[in-house]
C-alpha atoms as a PDB file:
ATOM      1  CA  UNK A   1     -30.532  20.674 -45.047  1.00  0.00           C
ATOM      2  CA  UNK A   2     -28.293  19.505 -42.196  1.00  0.00           C
ATOM      3  CA  UNK A   3     -31.410  19.209 -39.996  1.00  0.00           C
ATOM      4  CA  UNK A   4     -32.933  17.382 -42.668  1.00  0.00           C
ATOM      5  CA  UNK A   5     -29.918  15.011 -42.296  1.00  0.00           C
ATOM      6  CA  UNK A   6     -30.054  14.480 -38.644  1.00  0.00           C
ATOM      7  CA  UNK A   7     -33.639  13.493 -38.704  1.00  0.00           C
ATOM      8  CA  UNK A   8     -32.693  11.190 -41.673  1.00  0.00           C
ATOM      9  CA  UNK A   9     -30.480   9.560 -39.294  1.00  0.00           C
ATOM     10  CA  UNK A  10     -32.991   9.046 -36.456  1.00  0.00           C
ATOM     11  CA  UNK A  11     -35.308   7.422 -39.474  1.00  0.00           C
ATOM     12  CA  UNK A  12     -32.600   4.749 -40.713  1.00  0.00           C
ATOM     13  CA  UNK A  13     -31.369   4.153 -37.049  1.00  0.00           C
ATOM     14  CA  UNK A  14     -34.935   2.990 -36.349  1.00  0.00           C
ATOM     15  CA  UNK A  15     -35.579   0.867 -39.316  1.00  0.00           C
ATOM     16  CA  UNK A  16     -32.465  -0.719 -38.315  1.00  0.00           C
ATOM     17  CA  UNK A  17     -33.601  -1.467 -34.766  1.00  0.00           C
ATOM     18  CA  UNK A  18     -36.470  -2.930 -35.903  1.00  0.00           C
ATOM     19  CA  UNK A  19     -35.203  -5.109 -39.149  1.00  0.00           C
ATOM     20  CA  UNK A  20     -35.118  -7.991 -36.868  1.00  0.00           C
ATOM     21  CA  UNK A  21     -35.394 -10.670 -39.723  1.00  0.00           C
ATOM     22  CA  UNK A  22     -33.752  -8.808 -42.623  1.00  0.00           C
ATOM     23  CA  UNK A  23     -30.156  -9.100 -44.315  1.00  0.00           C
ATOM     24  CA  UNK A  24     -28.715  -6.103 -42.732  1.00  0.00           C
ATOM     25  CA  UNK A  25     -28.953  -7.697 -39.115  1.00  0.00           C
ATOM     26  CA  UNK A  26     -27.461 -10.982 -40.505  1.00  0.00           C
ATOM     27  CA  UNK A  27     -24.878  -8.972 -42.239  1.00  0.00           C
ATOM     28  CA  UNK A  28     -23.512  -7.180 -39.234  1.00  0.00           C
ATOM     29  CA  UNK A  29     -24.017 -10.263 -37.048  1.00  0.00           C
ATOM     30  CA  UNK A  30     -21.868 -12.477 -39.647  1.00  0.00           C
ATOM     31  CA  UNK A  31     -19.430  -9.671 -39.729  1.00  0.00           C
ATOM     32  CA  UNK A  32     -18.989  -9.837 -36.049  1.00  0.00           C
ATOM     33  CA  UNK A  33     -20.078  -6.323 -35.566  1.00  0.00           C
ATOM     34  CA  UNK A  34     -23.503  -7.041 -34.134  1.00  0.00           C
ATOM     35  CA  UNK A  35     -22.696  -4.512 -31.528  1.00  0.00           C
ATOM     36  CA  UNK A  36     -24.209  -1.716 -33.561  1.00  0.00           C
ATOM     37  CA  UNK A  37     -27.531  -2.987 -32.939  1.00  0.00           C
ATOM     38  CA  UNK A  38     -27.738  -2.331 -29.461  1.00  0.00           C
ATOM     39  CA  UNK A  39     -29.614   1.067 -28.723  1.00  0.00           C
ATOM     40  CA  UNK A  40     -26.941   2.532 -27.081  1.00  0.00           C
ATOM     41  CA  UNK A  41     -24.181   1.886 -29.754  1.00  0.00           C
ATOM     42  CA  UNK A  42     -21.461   4.831 -30.443  1.00  0.00           C
ATOM     43  CA  UNK A  43     -22.260   3.757 -34.193  1.00  0.00           C
ATOM     44  CA  UNK A  44     -25.490   4.971 -35.428  1.00  0.00           C
ATOM     45  CA  UNK A  45     -25.854   2.698 -38.330  1.00  0.00           C
ATOM     46  CA  UNK A  46     -29.096   2.408 -39.772  1.00  0.00           C
ATOM     47  CA  UNK A  47     -31.123   0.884 -42.774  1.00  0.00           C
ATOM     48  CA  UNK A  48     -32.439   2.102 -45.899  1.00  0.00           C
ATOM     49  CA  UNK A  49     -35.412  -0.150 -46.385  1.00  0.00           C
ATOM     50  CA  UNK A  50     -36.622  -1.002 -49.821  1.00  0.00           C
ATOM     51  CA  UNK A  51     -39.965   1.435 -50.098  1.00  0.00           C
ATOM     52  CA  UNK A  52     -40.466   4.148 -52.327  1.00  0.00           C
ATOM     53  CA  UNK A  53     -41.609   6.779 -49.901  1.00  0.00           C
ATOM     54  CA  UNK A  54     -40.579   5.787 -46.404  1.00  0.00           C
ATOM     55  CA  UNK A  55     -37.958   8.814 -45.597  1.00  0.00           C
ATOM     56  CA  UNK A  56     -39.965  10.922 -47.634  1.00  0.00           C
ATOM     57  CA  UNK A  57     -42.898  10.408 -45.365  1.00  0.00           C
ATOM     58  CA  UNK A  58     -40.912  10.627 -42.375  1.00  0.00           C
ATOM     59  CA  UNK A  59     -39.530  13.853 -43.051  1.00  0.00           C
ATOM     60  CA  UNK A  60     -42.932  14.949 -43.959  1.00  0.00           C
ATOM     61  CA  UNK A  61     -44.013  14.185 -40.748  1.00  0.00           C
ATOM     62  CA  UNK A  62     -41.474  16.400 -39.395  1.00  0.00           C
ATOM     63  CA  UNK A  63     -42.630  19.472 -41.677  1.00  0.00           C
ATOM     64  CA  UNK A  64     -39.711  19.667 -44.083  1.00  0.00           C
ATOM     65  CA  UNK A  65     -40.191  21.015 -47.266  1.00  0.00           C
ATOM     66  CA  UNK A  66     -40.017  18.677 -50.586  1.00  0.00           C
ATOM     67  CA  UNK A  67     -37.481  21.513 -51.623  1.00  0.00           C
ATOM     68  CA  UNK A  68     -35.221  20.802 -48.542  1.00  0.00           C
ATOM     69  CA  UNK A  69     -35.275  16.793 -49.185  1.00  0.00           C
ATOM     70  CA  UNK A  70     -34.207  17.524 -52.699  1.00  0.00           C
ATOM     71  CA  UNK A  71     -31.159  19.862 -51.909  1.00  0.00           C
ATOM     72  CA  UNK A  72     -29.797  17.522 -49.300  1.00  0.00           C
ATOM     73  CA  UNK A  73     -30.049  14.911 -51.477  1.00  0.00           C
ATOM     74  CA  UNK A  74     -32.071  12.706 -49.599  1.00  0.00           C
ATOM     75  CA  UNK A  75     -34.741  12.048 -52.515  1.00  0.00           C
ATOM     76  CA  UNK A  76     -35.193  12.430 -56.031  1.00  0.00           C
ATOM     77  CA  UNK A  77     -37.815  12.134 -58.685  1.00  0.00           C
ATOM     78  CA  UNK A  78     -39.131   9.430 -60.696  1.00  0.00           C
ATOM     79  CA  UNK A  79     -39.645   9.076 -64.041  1.00  0.00           C
ATOM     80  CA  UNK A  80     -42.936  10.486 -63.488  1.00  0.00           C
ATOM     81  CA  UNK A  81     -42.339  13.531 -61.414  1.00  0.00           C
ATOM     82  CA  UNK A  82     -43.051  11.895 -57.750  1.00  0.00           C
ATOM     83  CA  UNK A  83     -40.355  12.648 -55.043  1.00  0.00           C
ATOM     84  CA  UNK A  84     -39.059   9.106 -54.051  1.00  0.00           C
ATOM     85  CA  UNK A  85     -36.350   8.344 -51.577  1.00  0.00           C
ATOM     86  CA  UNK A  86     -32.928   7.894 -53.042  1.00  0.00           C
ATOM     87  CA  UNK A  87     -31.360   5.468 -50.959  1.00  0.00           C
ATOM     88  CA  UNK A  88     -32.704   1.940 -50.821  1.00  0.00           C
ATOM     89  CA  UNK A  89     -31.999  -1.345 -49.147  1.00  0.00           C
ATOM     90  CA  UNK A  90     -28.743  -0.450 -47.737  1.00  0.00           C
ATOM     91  CA  UNK A  91     -26.793  -0.407 -44.587  1.00  0.00           C
ATOM     92  CA  UNK A  92     -26.095   3.344 -44.156  1.00  0.00           C
ATOM     93  CA  UNK A  93     -23.572   5.151 -42.027  1.00  0.00           C
ATOM     94  CA  UNK A  94     -23.274   8.477 -41.325  1.00  0.00           C
ATOM     95  CA  UNK A  95     -20.351  10.953 -42.779  1.00  0.00           C
ATOM     96  CA  UNK A  96     -19.528  14.050 -41.296  1.00  0.00           C
ATOM     97  CA  UNK A  97     -18.076  17.434 -41.921  1.00  0.00           C
ATOM     98  CA  UNK A  98     -15.141  19.158 -39.788  1.00  0.00           C
ATOM     99  CA  UNK A  99     -17.797  20.519 -37.806  1.00  0.00           C
ATOM    100  CA  UNK A 100     -18.844  17.063 -37.318  1.00  0.00           C
ATOM    101  CA  UNK A 101     -22.381  17.728 -38.346  1.00  0.00           C
ATOM    102  CA  UNK A 102     -24.263  14.846 -40.550  1.00  0.00           C
ATOM    103  CA  UNK A 103     -23.434  16.174 -44.192  1.00  0.00           C
ATOM    104  CA  UNK A 104     -24.393  12.493 -46.393  1.00  0.00           C
ATOM    105  CA  UNK A 105     -24.075   8.767 -45.982  1.00  0.00           C
ATOM    106  CA  UNK A 106     -22.302   5.986 -46.671  1.00  0.00           C
ATOM    107  CA  UNK A 107     -24.196   2.840 -47.610  1.00  0.00           C
ATOM    108  CA  UNK A 108     -23.371  -0.932 -47.863  1.00  0.00           C
ATOM    109  CA  UNK A 109     -25.252  -2.940 -49.911  1.00  0.00           C
ATOM    110  CA  UNK A 110     -26.161  -6.489 -49.945  1.00  0.00           C
ATOM    111  CA  UNK A 111     -22.957  -7.851 -51.446  1.00  0.00           C
ATOM    112  CA  UNK A 112     -20.886  -5.672 -48.828  1.00  0.00           C
ATOM    113  CA  UNK A 113     -19.515  -3.097 -51.115  1.00  0.00           C
ATOM    114  CA  UNK A 114     -19.405   0.158 -49.460  1.00  0.00           C
ATOM    115  CA  UNK A 115     -19.681   3.473 -51.362  1.00  0.00           C
ATOM    116  CA  UNK A 116     -20.512   6.932 -50.750  1.00  0.00           C
ATOM    117  CA  UNK A 117     -24.461   7.500 -51.459  1.00  0.00           C
ATOM    118  CA  UNK A 118     -24.679  11.061 -50.929  1.00  0.00           C
ATOM    119  CA  UNK A 119     -24.490  13.705 -54.275  1.00  0.00           C
ATOM    120  CA  UNK A 120     -22.261  16.451 -53.825  1.00  0.00           C
ATOM    121  CA  UNK A 121     -24.714  19.466 -52.397  1.00  0.00           C
ATOM    122  CA  UNK A 122     -24.105  22.284 -50.268  1.00  0.00           C
ATOM    123  CA  UNK A 123     -23.769  20.406 -47.327  1.00  0.00           C
ATOM    124  CA  UNK A 124     -22.011  17.381 -48.730  1.00  0.00           C
ATOM    125  CA  UNK A 125     -18.682  16.763 -50.515  1.00  0.00           C
ATOM    126  CA  UNK A 126     -17.410  13.373 -50.615  1.00  0.00           C
ATOM    127  CA  UNK A 127     -13.767  14.628 -50.085  1.00  0.00           C
ATOM    128  CA  UNK A 128     -14.757  16.307 -47.414  1.00  0.00           C
ATOM    129  CA  UNK A 129     -16.622  13.936 -45.339  1.00  0.00           C
ATOM    130  CA  UNK A 130     -15.433  10.984 -42.675  1.00  0.00           C
ATOM    131  CA  UNK A 131     -17.138   8.458 -41.240  1.00  0.00           C
ATOM    132  CA  UNK A 132     -16.522   7.389 -37.681  1.00  0.00           C
ATOM    133  CA  UNK A 133     -15.320  10.588 -36.218  1.00  0.00           C
ATOM    134  CA  UNK A 134     -18.100  11.658 -33.790  1.00  0.00           C
ATOM    135  CA  UNK A 135     -18.386   7.938 -33.050  1.00  0.00           C
ATOM    136  CA  UNK A 136     -14.775   7.494 -31.575  1.00  0.00           C
ATOM    137  CA  UNK A 137     -13.929  11.214 -30.575  1.00  0.00           C
ATOM    138  CA  UNK A 138     -13.442  10.220 -27.093  1.00  0.00           C
ATOM    139  CA  UNK A 139     -10.736   7.658 -28.196  1.00  0.00           C
ATOM    140  CA  UNK A 140      -8.988  10.325 -30.598  1.00  0.00           C
ATOM    141  CA  UNK A 141      -9.128  13.022 -27.714  1.00  0.00           C
ATOM    142  CA  UNK A 142      -7.764  10.221 -25.871  1.00  0.00           C
ATOM    143  CA  UNK A 143      -4.641   9.775 -27.900  1.00  0.00           C
ATOM    144  CA  UNK A 144      -6.193   6.790 -29.826  1.00  0.00           C
ATOM    145  CA  UNK A 145      -4.352   6.389 -33.178  1.00  0.00           C
ATOM    146  CA  UNK A 146      -6.275   6.293 -36.169  1.00  0.00           C
ATOM    147  CA  UNK A 147      -5.968   3.118 -38.115  1.00  0.00           C
ATOM    148  CA  UNK A 148      -7.253   3.674 -41.590  1.00  0.00           C
ATOM    149  CA  UNK A 149      -9.198   1.078 -43.158  1.00  0.00           C
ATOM    150  CA  UNK A 150     -10.806   0.680 -46.575  1.00  0.00           C
ATOM    151  CA  UNK A 151     -14.503  -0.755 -45.219  1.00  0.00           C
ATOM    152  CA  UNK A 152     -16.742   0.376 -42.631  1.00  0.00           C
ATOM    153  CA  UNK A 153     -17.353  -2.820 -40.954  1.00  0.00           C
ATOM    154  CA  UNK A 154     -13.371  -2.773 -40.454  1.00  0.00           C
ATOM    155  CA  UNK A 155     -13.191   0.178 -38.987  1.00  0.00           C
ATOM    156  CA  UNK A 156     -16.265  -1.118 -36.373  1.00  0.00           C
ATOM    157  CA  UNK A 157     -14.276  -4.359 -35.701  1.00  0.00           C
ATOM    158  CA  UNK A 158     -11.039  -2.187 -35.099  1.00  0.00           C
ATOM    159  CA  UNK A 159     -12.708   0.574 -32.766  1.00  0.00           C
ATOM    160  CA  UNK A 160     -14.471  -2.477 -30.629  1.00  0.00           C
ATOM    161  CA  UNK A 161     -11.393  -4.324 -30.076  1.00  0.00           C
ATOM    162  CA  UNK A 162      -9.705  -0.808 -29.155  1.00  0.00           C
ATOM    163  CA  UNK A 163     -12.608  -0.112 -26.413  1.00  0.00           C
ATOM    164  CA  UNK A 164     -11.392  -3.691 -24.979  1.00  0.00           C
ATOM    165  CA  UNK A 165      -8.128  -2.723 -24.676  1.00  0.00           C
ATOM    166  CA  UNK A 166      -7.943   0.686 -23.061  1.00  0.00           C
ATOM    167  CA  UNK A 167      -8.600   2.657 -26.376  1.00  0.00           C
ATOM    168  CA  UNK A 168      -5.453   2.283 -28.212  1.00  0.00           C
ATOM    169  CA  UNK A 169      -7.002   2.764 -31.305  1.00  0.00           C
ATOM    170  CA  UNK A 170      -9.705   4.404 -33.768  1.00  0.00           C
ATOM    171  CA  UNK A 171     -10.851   2.508 -36.779  1.00  0.00           C
ATOM    172  CA  UNK A 172     -11.622   5.263 -39.937  1.00  0.00           C
ATOM    173  CA  UNK A 173     -12.757   3.852 -43.217  1.00  0.00           C
ATOM    174  CA  UNK A 174     -12.029   5.542 -46.589  1.00  0.00           C
ATOM    175  CA  UNK A 175     -14.870   4.310 -48.460  1.00  0.00           C
ATOM    176  CA  UNK A 176     -13.697   5.469 -51.465  1.00  0.00           C
ATOM    177  CA  UNK A 177     -11.011   5.474 -54.262  1.00  0.00           C
ATOM    178  CA  UNK A 178      -8.716   7.173 -51.348  1.00  0.00           C
ATOM    179  CA  UNK A 179      -8.029   9.631 -48.438  1.00  0.00           C
ATOM    180  CA  UNK A 180      -8.326  13.065 -49.895  1.00  0.00           C
ATOM    181  CA  UNK A 181      -6.497  16.150 -48.396  1.00  0.00           C
ATOM    182  CA  UNK A 182      -9.337  17.453 -46.847  1.00  0.00           C
ATOM    183  CA  UNK A 183      -9.937  14.210 -45.369  1.00  0.00           C
ATOM    184  CA  UNK A 184      -6.320  13.727 -43.880  1.00  0.00           C
ATOM    185  CA  UNK A 185      -6.573  17.514 -42.409  1.00  0.00           C
ATOM    186  CA  UNK A 186      -9.872  16.782 -40.809  1.00  0.00           C
ATOM    187  CA  UNK A 187      -8.711  13.394 -39.395  1.00  0.00           C
ATOM    188  CA  UNK A 188      -5.777  15.306 -37.832  1.00  0.00           C
ATOM    189  CA  UNK A 189      -7.816  18.049 -36.796  1.00  0.00           C
ATOM    190  CA  UNK A 190      -9.405  15.569 -34.206  1.00  0.00           C
ATOM    191  CA  UNK A 191      -6.706  13.192 -33.045  1.00  0.00           C
ATOM    192  CA  UNK A 192      -4.324  13.447 -30.232  1.00  0.00           C
ATOM    193  CA  UNK A 193      -1.923  11.244 -31.462  1.00  0.00           C
ATOM    194  CA  UNK A 194       1.429  12.219 -33.810  1.00  0.00           C
ATOM    195  CA  UNK A 195       0.923   8.692 -35.764  1.00  0.00           C
ATOM    196  CA  UNK A 196      -1.374   6.820 -37.932  1.00  0.00           C
ATOM    197  CA  UNK A 197      -1.716   3.141 -39.219  1.00  0.00           C
ATOM    198  CA  UNK A 198      -3.117   2.316 -42.319  1.00  0.00           C
ATOM    199  CA  UNK A 199      -3.853  -1.454 -43.227  1.00  0.00           C
ATOM    200  CA  UNK A 200      -3.350  -2.259 -46.572  1.00  0.00           C
ATOM    201  CA  UNK A 201      -5.544  -5.359 -47.508  1.00  0.00           C
ATOM    202  CA  UNK A 202      -7.177  -7.044 -50.702  1.00  0.00           C
ATOM    203  CA  UNK A 203      -5.687  -7.772 -54.115  1.00  0.00           C
ATOM    204  CA  UNK A 204      -2.392  -5.802 -55.257  1.00  0.00           C
ATOM    205  CA  UNK A 205      -4.587  -3.058 -57.217  1.00  0.00           C
ATOM    206  CA  UNK A 206      -6.639  -2.315 -54.051  1.00  0.00           C
ATOM    207  CA  UNK A 207      -3.197  -1.846 -52.617  1.00  0.00           C
ATOM    208  CA  UNK A 208      -1.813   0.491 -54.983  1.00  0.00           C
ATOM    209  CA  UNK A 209      -4.742   2.649 -54.328  1.00  0.00           C
ATOM    210  CA  UNK A 210      -4.415   2.891 -51.069  1.00  0.00           C
ATOM    211  CA  UNK A 211      -0.353   3.234 -50.846  1.00  0.00           C
ATOM    212  CA  UNK A 212      -1.573   6.700 -53.306  1.00  0.00           C
ATOM    213  CA  UNK A 213      -2.791   8.568 -50.284  1.00  0.00           C
ATOM    214  CA  UNK A 214       0.052   7.767 -47.875  1.00  0.00           C
ATOM    215  CA  UNK A 215       2.081  10.517 -48.924  1.00  0.00           C
ATOM    216  CA  UNK A 216      -0.665  13.308 -47.958  1.00  0.00           C
ATOM    217  CA  UNK A 217      -0.750  12.064 -44.285  1.00  0.00           C
ATOM    218  CA  UNK A 218       3.128  12.797 -43.729  1.00  0.00           C
ATOM    219  CA  UNK A 219       1.658  16.329 -44.199  1.00  0.00           C
ATOM    220  CA  UNK A 220      -0.312  15.835 -40.959  1.00  0.00           C
ATOM    221  CA  UNK A 221       1.701  13.217 -38.599  1.00  0.00           C
ATOM    222  CA  UNK A 222       4.666  12.792 -37.879  1.00  0.00           C
ATOM    223  CA  UNK A 223       5.052   8.711 -37.568  1.00  0.00           C
ATOM    224  CA  UNK A 224       3.029   6.724 -40.703  1.00  0.00           C
ATOM    225  CA  UNK A 225       2.873   2.961 -40.427  1.00  0.00           C
ATOM    226  CA  UNK A 226       1.273   0.793 -42.524  1.00  0.00           C
ATOM    227  CA  UNK A 227       0.303  -3.076 -42.228  1.00  0.00           C
ATOM    228  CA  UNK A 228      -0.186  -4.851 -44.937  1.00  0.00           C
ATOM    229  CA  UNK A 229      -2.235  -7.897 -44.648  1.00  0.00           C
ATOM    230  CA  UNK A 230      -4.335 -10.633 -46.815  1.00  0.00           C
ATOM    231  CA  UNK A 231      -7.591 -10.420 -44.780  1.00  0.00           C
ATOM    232  CA  UNK A 232      -9.916  -7.481 -43.992  1.00  0.00           C
ATOM    233  CA  UNK A 233      -9.239  -6.565 -40.188  1.00  0.00           C
ATOM    234  CA  UNK A 234     -13.228  -7.697 -39.463  1.00  0.00           C
ATOM    235  CA  UNK A 235     -12.108 -11.037 -40.770  1.00  0.00           C
ATOM    236  CA  UNK A 236      -8.706 -11.274 -38.903  1.00  0.00           C
ATOM    237  CA  UNK A 237     -10.598 -10.079 -35.479  1.00  0.00           C
ATOM    238  CA  UNK A 238     -13.501 -12.614 -36.009  1.00  0.00           C
ATOM    239  CA  UNK A 239     -10.953 -15.498 -36.581  1.00  0.00           C
ATOM    240  CA  UNK A 240      -9.714 -17.539 -33.324  1.00  0.00           C
ATOM    241  CA  UNK A 241      -6.569 -15.635 -32.055  1.00  0.00           C
ATOM    242  CA  UNK A 242      -7.258 -12.733 -34.448  1.00  0.00           C
ATOM    243  CA  UNK A 243      -7.206 -10.234 -32.121  1.00  0.00           C
ATOM    244  CA  UNK A 244      -4.060 -11.244 -30.312  1.00  0.00           C
ATOM    245  CA  UNK A 245      -2.418 -11.144 -34.273  1.00  0.00           C
ATOM    246  CA  UNK A 246      -4.232  -7.510 -35.199  1.00  0.00           C
ATOM    247  CA  UNK A 247      -2.781  -6.273 -32.001  1.00  0.00           C
ATOM    248  CA  UNK A 248       0.868  -7.516 -32.649  1.00  0.00           C
ATOM    249  CA  UNK A 249       0.508  -6.252 -35.797  1.00  0.00           C
ATOM    250  CA  UNK A 250      -0.665  -2.789 -35.008  1.00  0.00           C
ATOM    251  CA  UNK A 251       2.208  -2.154 -32.307  1.00  0.00           C
ATOM    252  CA  UNK A 252       5.000  -3.812 -33.948  1.00  0.00           C
ATOM    253  CA  UNK A 253       4.854  -2.351 -37.396  1.00  0.00           C
ATOM    254  CA  UNK A 254       8.125  -0.338 -37.743  1.00  0.00           C
ATOM    255  CA  UNK A 255       8.268   2.962 -39.197  1.00  0.00           C
ATOM    256  CA  UNK A 256      10.652   2.993 -42.238  1.00  0.00           C
ATOM    257  CA  UNK A 257      10.958   5.414 -45.617  1.00  0.00           C
ATOM    258  CA  UNK A 258      10.446   3.459 -48.255  1.00  0.00           C
ATOM    259  CA  UNK A 259       7.200   1.599 -49.163  1.00  0.00           C
ATOM    260  CA  UNK A 260       7.217  -0.291 -52.284  1.00  0.00           C
ATOM    261  CA  UNK A 261       4.311  -2.236 -54.016  1.00  0.00           C
ATOM    262  CA  UNK A 262       4.462  -3.592 -57.483  1.00  0.00           C
ATOM    263  CA  UNK A 263       7.169  -1.552 -58.371  1.00  0.00           C
ATOM    264  CA  UNK A 264       5.628   1.672 -57.253  1.00  0.00           C
ATOM    265  CA  UNK A 265       7.644   3.793 -54.774  1.00  0.00           C
ATOM    266  CA  UNK A 266       5.792   5.888 -51.891  1.00  0.00           C
ATOM    267  CA  UNK A 267       8.291   7.648 -49.542  1.00  0.00           C
ATOM    268  CA  UNK A 268       7.263   5.578 -46.198  1.00  0.00           C
ATOM    269  CA  UNK A 269       8.022   2.499 -44.987  1.00  0.00           C
ATOM    270  CA  UNK A 270       7.971  -0.909 -46.055  1.00  0.00           C
ATOM    271  CA  UNK A 271       6.359  -3.199 -43.380  1.00  0.00           C
ATOM    272  CA  UNK A 272       6.861  -6.979 -44.097  1.00  0.00           C
ATOM    273  CA  UNK A 273       3.393  -8.998 -44.436  1.00  0.00           C
ATOM    274  CA  UNK A 274       3.267 -11.237 -41.429  1.00  0.00           C
ATOM    275  CA  UNK A 275       4.519 -14.820 -41.917  1.00  0.00           C
ATOM    276  CA  UNK A 276       1.819 -16.148 -39.898  1.00  0.00           C
ATOM    277  CA  UNK A 277      -2.223 -15.904 -39.424  1.00  0.00           C
ATOM    278  CA  UNK A 278      -5.137 -17.662 -38.372  1.00  0.00           C
ATOM    279  CA  UNK A 279      -6.936 -19.931 -40.857  1.00  0.00           C
ATOM    280  CA  UNK A 280      -9.632 -17.692 -42.709  1.00  0.00           C
END
């Protein structure tokens, strides 16, 4: 199943690199993360085309049995019993397990929504896999501070900024309702830094969801920081002066002991929203 997943990564990657006039390329360019379109990009972002059997045919050509494809969660059966592609018309990112094997996939739709695509299988549990670890393993091992964000595009934007600034940060996307205990443990396994930063963005409901898993981080990191901002990381970093402001936010957020949002308290800290920002 893991080998089939690896083969699927190659297929999705190839489809993105030749999708020059399709929406995924425009989406990545508009998000200012077009560097993932370079063949040598650390981020193996791919595209699952809107076809019925493109992936099926690719896997069959590489001698994978239908039963393996089904057990890996890469395909499904249509109403008439045919084996067809499970993922269609999605940007695809790799979710890896604690051994850094390809366990499953996270997808981004045309509306920009990111979610886990892979069902629970013997090789994949969504709460036990993370996006972006292997792509930034050199940063994490070099002492980069993990920056937990909601969306994969934000993680790529933070990672790109970091590589321009001596590798201070590594963007880690949650891609779901929250960061699980297993994911927190996995992140700590590959982090040399003893601190982590969590960006709380979006509406109050989304920020409350994010605040809900901050306590788990205290079990694995000595220093937890949170930055509240009304913009996503990718939006901020693509704005004029955004990189300077993001650097300021990440480097000056002081650790405190009581984080409050909408009346709910978590024993962490209480960062102040920035008083200024770019016109977004």
